[in-house]
Amino acid sequence: MQDEGRVRPDGLEGKYANYFDVGFNANEVVIDFGQAFTDRSGAAVHTRIVMSPASAQALQAMLGECARVSDPRRRAEDES
């Protein structure tokens, strides 16, 4: 995934997340990312992202498009 004009720092660390928690107020949206494990209760939260509501809406649109194009059932519908 490359975006023209965006700087991607060397050594960027990727972290797996299957747990998400969202909080918000009028000025910001807070998303916690972590890992939940089936063999224990709770989740290990490793990252918190804080953004404006406008940025959260942009993220929602990007994630929705990613989910739409990566879903094999949806791709089959789009091709027919």
N, C-alpha and C. Protein backbone atom coordinates (compact mmCIF):
# COMPACT_ATOMS: atom_id res chain seq x y z
N MET A 1 0.85 -1.17 0.00
CA MET A 1 0.00 0.00 0.00
C MET A 1 0.90 1.23 0.00
N GLN A 2 0.88 1.98 -1.09
CA GLN A 2 1.67 3.18 -1.17
C GLN A 2 0.79 4.35 -1.54
N ASP A 3 1.02 5.45 -0.88
CA ASP A 3 0.29 6.67 -1.17
C ASP A 3 1.29 7.72 -1.60
N GLU A 4 1.06 8.31 -2.77
CA GLU A 4 1.92 9.38 -3.25
C GLU A 4 1.94 10.52 -2.24
N GLY A 5 3.12 11.04 -1.96
CA GLY A 5 3.23 12.21 -1.11
C GLY A 5 3.20 11.93 0.38
N ARG A 6 3.08 10.67 0.77
CA ARG A 6 3.06 10.35 2.20
C ARG A 6 4.41 9.78 2.60
N VAL A 7 4.87 10.17 3.76
CA VAL A 7 6.14 9.69 4.28
C VAL A 7 5.86 8.52 5.21
N ARG A 8 6.49 7.42 4.95
CA ARG A 8 6.37 6.25 5.81
C ARG A 8 7.72 6.04 6.49
N PRO A 9 7.74 6.18 7.80
CA PRO A 9 9.02 6.06 8.50
C PRO A 9 9.59 4.65 8.41
N ASP A 10 10.92 4.59 8.26
CA ASP A 10 11.59 3.29 8.29
C ASP A 10 11.44 2.69 9.68
N GLY A 11 11.32 1.39 9.73
CA GLY A 11 11.23 0.71 11.00
C GLY A 11 9.86 0.81 11.65
N LEU A 12 8.84 1.16 10.89
CA LEU A 12 7.49 1.24 11.44
C LEU A 12 7.06 -0.14 11.92
N GLU A 13 6.59 -0.23 13.15
CA GLU A 13 6.23 -1.51 13.75
C GLU A 13 4.74 -1.78 13.57
N GLY A 14 4.42 -2.94 13.02
CA GLY A 14 3.03 -3.35 12.90
C GLY A 14 2.61 -4.15 14.13
N LYS A 15 1.39 -3.95 14.58
CA LYS A 15 0.87 -4.69 15.73
C LYS A 15 -0.49 -5.27 15.35
N TYR A 16 -0.71 -6.51 15.71
CA TYR A 16 -1.97 -7.19 15.45
C TYR A 16 -3.01 -6.74 16.46
N ALA A 17 -4.23 -6.50 16.00
CA ALA A 17 -5.31 -6.12 16.90
C ALA A 17 -6.58 -6.88 16.54
N ASN A 18 -7.18 -7.48 17.53
CA ASN A 18 -8.50 -8.11 17.36
C ASN A 18 -9.46 -7.63 18.46
N TYR A 19 -9.04 -6.60 19.16
CA TYR A 19 -9.85 -5.98 20.20
C TYR A 19 -9.83 -4.47 19.96
N PHE A 20 -11.00 -3.85 20.04
CA PHE A 20 -11.13 -2.41 19.82
C PHE A 20 -12.12 -1.85 20.83
N ASP A 21 -11.82 -0.68 21.34
CA ASP A 21 -12.75 0.01 22.23
C ASP A 21 -12.75 1.47 21.80
N VAL A 22 -13.93 2.06 21.70
CA VAL A 22 -14.06 3.42 21.20
C VAL A 22 -14.74 4.29 22.25
N GLY A 23 -14.20 5.46 22.47
CA GLY A 23 -14.82 6.46 23.32
C GLY A 23 -14.81 7.78 22.57
N PHE A 24 -15.71 8.68 22.93
CA PHE A 24 -15.75 9.95 22.21
C PHE A 24 -16.43 11.02 23.05
N ASN A 25 -16.17 12.25 22.66
CA ASN A 25 -16.90 13.41 23.16
C ASN A 25 -17.05 14.36 21.98
N ALA A 26 -17.47 15.57 22.21
CA ALA A 26 -17.73 16.50 21.11
C ALA A 26 -16.45 16.88 20.35
N ASN A 27 -15.29 16.72 20.98
CA ASN A 27 -14.04 17.20 20.38
C ASN A 27 -13.09 16.13 19.89
N GLU A 28 -13.26 14.90 20.36
CA GLU A 28 -12.30 13.87 19.97
C GLU A 28 -12.92 12.48 20.02
N VAL A 29 -12.29 11.59 19.27
CA VAL A 29 -12.64 10.17 19.26
C VAL A 29 -11.38 9.43 19.71
N VAL A 30 -11.53 8.50 20.63
CA VAL A 30 -10.41 7.74 21.17
C VAL A 30 -10.65 6.26 20.85
N ILE A 31 -9.68 5.64 20.18
CA ILE A 31 -9.79 4.22 19.85
C ILE A 31 -8.62 3.48 20.49
N ASP A 32 -8.93 2.49 21.31
CA ASP A 32 -7.92 1.61 21.88
C ASP A 32 -7.87 0.34 21.05
N PHE A 33 -6.66 -0.12 20.75
CA PHE A 33 -6.44 -1.35 20.01
C PHE A 33 -5.68 -2.32 20.91
N GLY A 34 -6.01 -3.60 20.80
CA GLY A 34 -5.31 -4.58 21.61
C GLY A 34 -5.51 -5.98 21.10
N GLN A 35 -5.08 -6.92 21.91
CA GLN A 35 -5.23 -8.33 21.58
C GLN A 35 -6.05 -9.01 22.67
N ALA A 36 -7.09 -9.69 22.24
CA ALA A 36 -7.90 -10.51 23.14
C ALA A 36 -7.50 -11.96 22.92
N PHE A 37 -7.45 -12.70 23.97
CA PHE A 37 -7.05 -14.11 23.90
C PHE A 37 -8.17 -14.99 24.42
N THR A 38 -8.42 -16.10 23.76
CA THR A 38 -9.53 -16.97 24.15
C THR A 38 -9.26 -17.68 25.46
N ASP A 39 -8.00 -17.85 25.84
CA ASP A 39 -7.69 -18.59 27.05
C ASP A 39 -7.67 -17.73 28.32
N ARG A 40 -7.99 -16.43 28.19
CA ARG A 40 -8.07 -15.59 29.38
C ARG A 40 -9.05 -14.45 29.14
N SER A 41 -9.55 -13.93 30.23
CA SER A 41 -10.51 -12.83 30.07
C SER A 41 -9.78 -11.51 29.87
N GLY A 42 -10.48 -10.59 29.25
CA GLY A 42 -9.90 -9.27 29.03
C GLY A 42 -9.05 -9.22 27.79
N ALA A 43 -8.43 -8.08 27.60
CA ALA A 43 -7.58 -7.86 26.44
C ALA A 43 -6.37 -7.06 26.86
N ALA A 44 -5.28 -7.24 26.14
CA ALA A 44 -4.06 -6.47 26.36
C ALA A 44 -4.07 -5.31 25.37
N VAL A 45 -4.39 -4.11 25.85
CA VAL A 45 -4.43 -2.93 24.99
C VAL A 45 -3.00 -2.45 24.78
N HIS A 46 -2.63 -2.23 23.51
CA HIS A 46 -1.26 -1.82 23.23
C HIS A 46 -1.15 -0.44 22.55
N THR A 47 -2.25 0.07 22.01
CA THR A 47 -2.17 1.34 21.28
C THR A 47 -3.45 2.15 21.49
N ARG A 48 -3.30 3.44 21.69
CA ARG A 48 -4.44 4.35 21.77
C ARG A 48 -4.24 5.44 20.72
N ILE A 49 -5.26 5.64 19.89
CA ILE A 49 -5.25 6.68 18.87
C ILE A 49 -6.33 7.70 19.24
N VAL A 50 -5.96 8.97 19.24
CA VAL A 50 -6.89 10.06 19.53
C VAL A 50 -6.98 10.91 18.27
N MET A 51 -8.21 11.21 17.82
CA MET A 51 -8.40 12.00 16.61
C MET A 51 -9.64 12.86 16.71
N SER A 52 -9.75 13.78 15.79
CA SER A 52 -10.94 14.64 15.73
C SER A 52 -12.10 13.84 15.14
N PRO A 53 -13.34 14.27 15.39
CA PRO A 53 -14.48 13.59 14.77
C PRO A 53 -14.38 13.58 13.23
N ALA A 54 -13.87 14.65 12.63
CA ALA A 54 -13.72 14.68 11.17
C ALA A 54 -12.73 13.62 10.69
N SER A 55 -11.65 13.45 11.42
CA SER A 55 -10.68 12.41 11.07
C SER A 55 -11.28 11.02 11.26
N ALA A 56 -12.09 10.85 12.30
CA ALA A 56 -12.75 9.56 12.53
C ALA A 56 -13.70 9.23 11.38
N GLN A 57 -14.38 10.24 10.85
CA GLN A 57 -15.28 10.00 9.71
C GLN A 57 -14.47 9.61 8.48
N ALA A 58 -13.32 10.23 8.26
CA ALA A 58 -12.47 9.87 7.13
C ALA A 58 -11.95 8.44 7.29
N LEU A 59 -11.56 8.08 8.51
CA LEU A 59 -11.10 6.71 8.78
C LEU A 59 -12.23 5.72 8.54
N GLN A 60 -13.42 6.04 8.98
CA GLN A 60 -14.57 5.17 8.77
C GLN A 60 -14.80 4.92 7.28
N ALA A 61 -14.71 5.96 6.47
CA ALA A 61 -14.90 5.81 5.03
C ALA A 61 -13.82 4.92 4.42
N MET A 62 -12.57 5.13 4.84
CA MET A 62 -11.46 4.33 4.31
C MET A 62 -11.61 2.86 4.70
N LEU A 63 -11.94 2.60 5.97
CA LEU A 63 -12.11 1.22 6.43
C LEU A 63 -13.30 0.55 5.75
N GLY A 64 -14.38 1.31 5.55
CA GLY A 64 -15.54 0.76 4.87
C GLY A 64 -15.21 0.34 3.45
N GLU A 65 -14.46 1.17 2.74
CA GLU A 65 -14.06 0.83 1.38
C GLU A 65 -13.14 -0.37 1.37
N CYS A 66 -12.20 -0.44 2.30
CA CYS A 66 -11.31 -1.61 2.40
C CYS A 66 -12.11 -2.88 2.63
N ALA A 67 -13.06 -2.83 3.55
CA ALA A 67 -13.88 -4.00 3.85
C ALA A 67 -14.71 -4.39 2.63
N ARG A 68 -15.23 -3.40 1.92
CA ARG A 68 -16.07 -3.68 0.75
C ARG A 68 -15.26 -4.39 -0.34
N VAL A 69 -14.09 -3.88 -0.67
CA VAL A 69 -13.33 -4.46 -1.77
C VAL A 69 -12.62 -5.75 -1.39
N SER A 70 -12.42 -6.00 -0.11
CA SER A 70 -11.72 -7.22 0.30
C SER A 70 -12.67 -8.37 0.61
N ASP A 71 -13.97 -8.11 0.65
CA ASP A 71 -14.96 -9.15 0.94
C ASP A 71 -15.25 -9.93 -0.34
N PRO A 72 -14.89 -11.22 -0.40
CA PRO A 72 -15.10 -11.99 -1.63
C PRO A 72 -16.57 -12.05 -2.05
N ARG A 73 -17.49 -12.07 -1.10
CA ARG A 73 -18.92 -12.09 -1.46
C ARG A 73 -19.30 -10.80 -2.16
N ARG A 74 -18.78 -9.70 -1.68
CA ARG A 74 -19.11 -8.39 -2.28
C ARG A 74 -18.48 -8.26 -3.65
N ARG A 75 -17.24 -8.75 -3.81
CA ARG A 75 -16.59 -8.69 -5.12
C ARG A 75 -17.39 -9.47 -6.14
N ALA A 76 -17.90 -10.64 -5.75
CA ALA A 76 -18.71 -11.46 -6.67
C ALA A 76 -19.97 -10.71 -7.08
N GLU A 77 -20.60 -9.99 -6.15
CA GLU A 77 -21.79 -9.20 -6.47
C GLU A 77 -21.45 -8.06 -7.42
N ASP A 78 -20.31 -7.41 -7.19
CA ASP A 78 -19.91 -6.28 -8.02
C ASP A 78 -19.60 -6.72 -9.45
N GLU A 79 -19.09 -7.96 -9.60
CA GLU A 79 -18.72 -8.44 -10.93
C GLU A 79 -19.94 -8.93 -11.73
N SER A 80 -21.04 -9.21 -11.05
CA SER A 80 -22.21 -9.72 -11.79
C SER A 80 -23.16 -8.61 -12.22
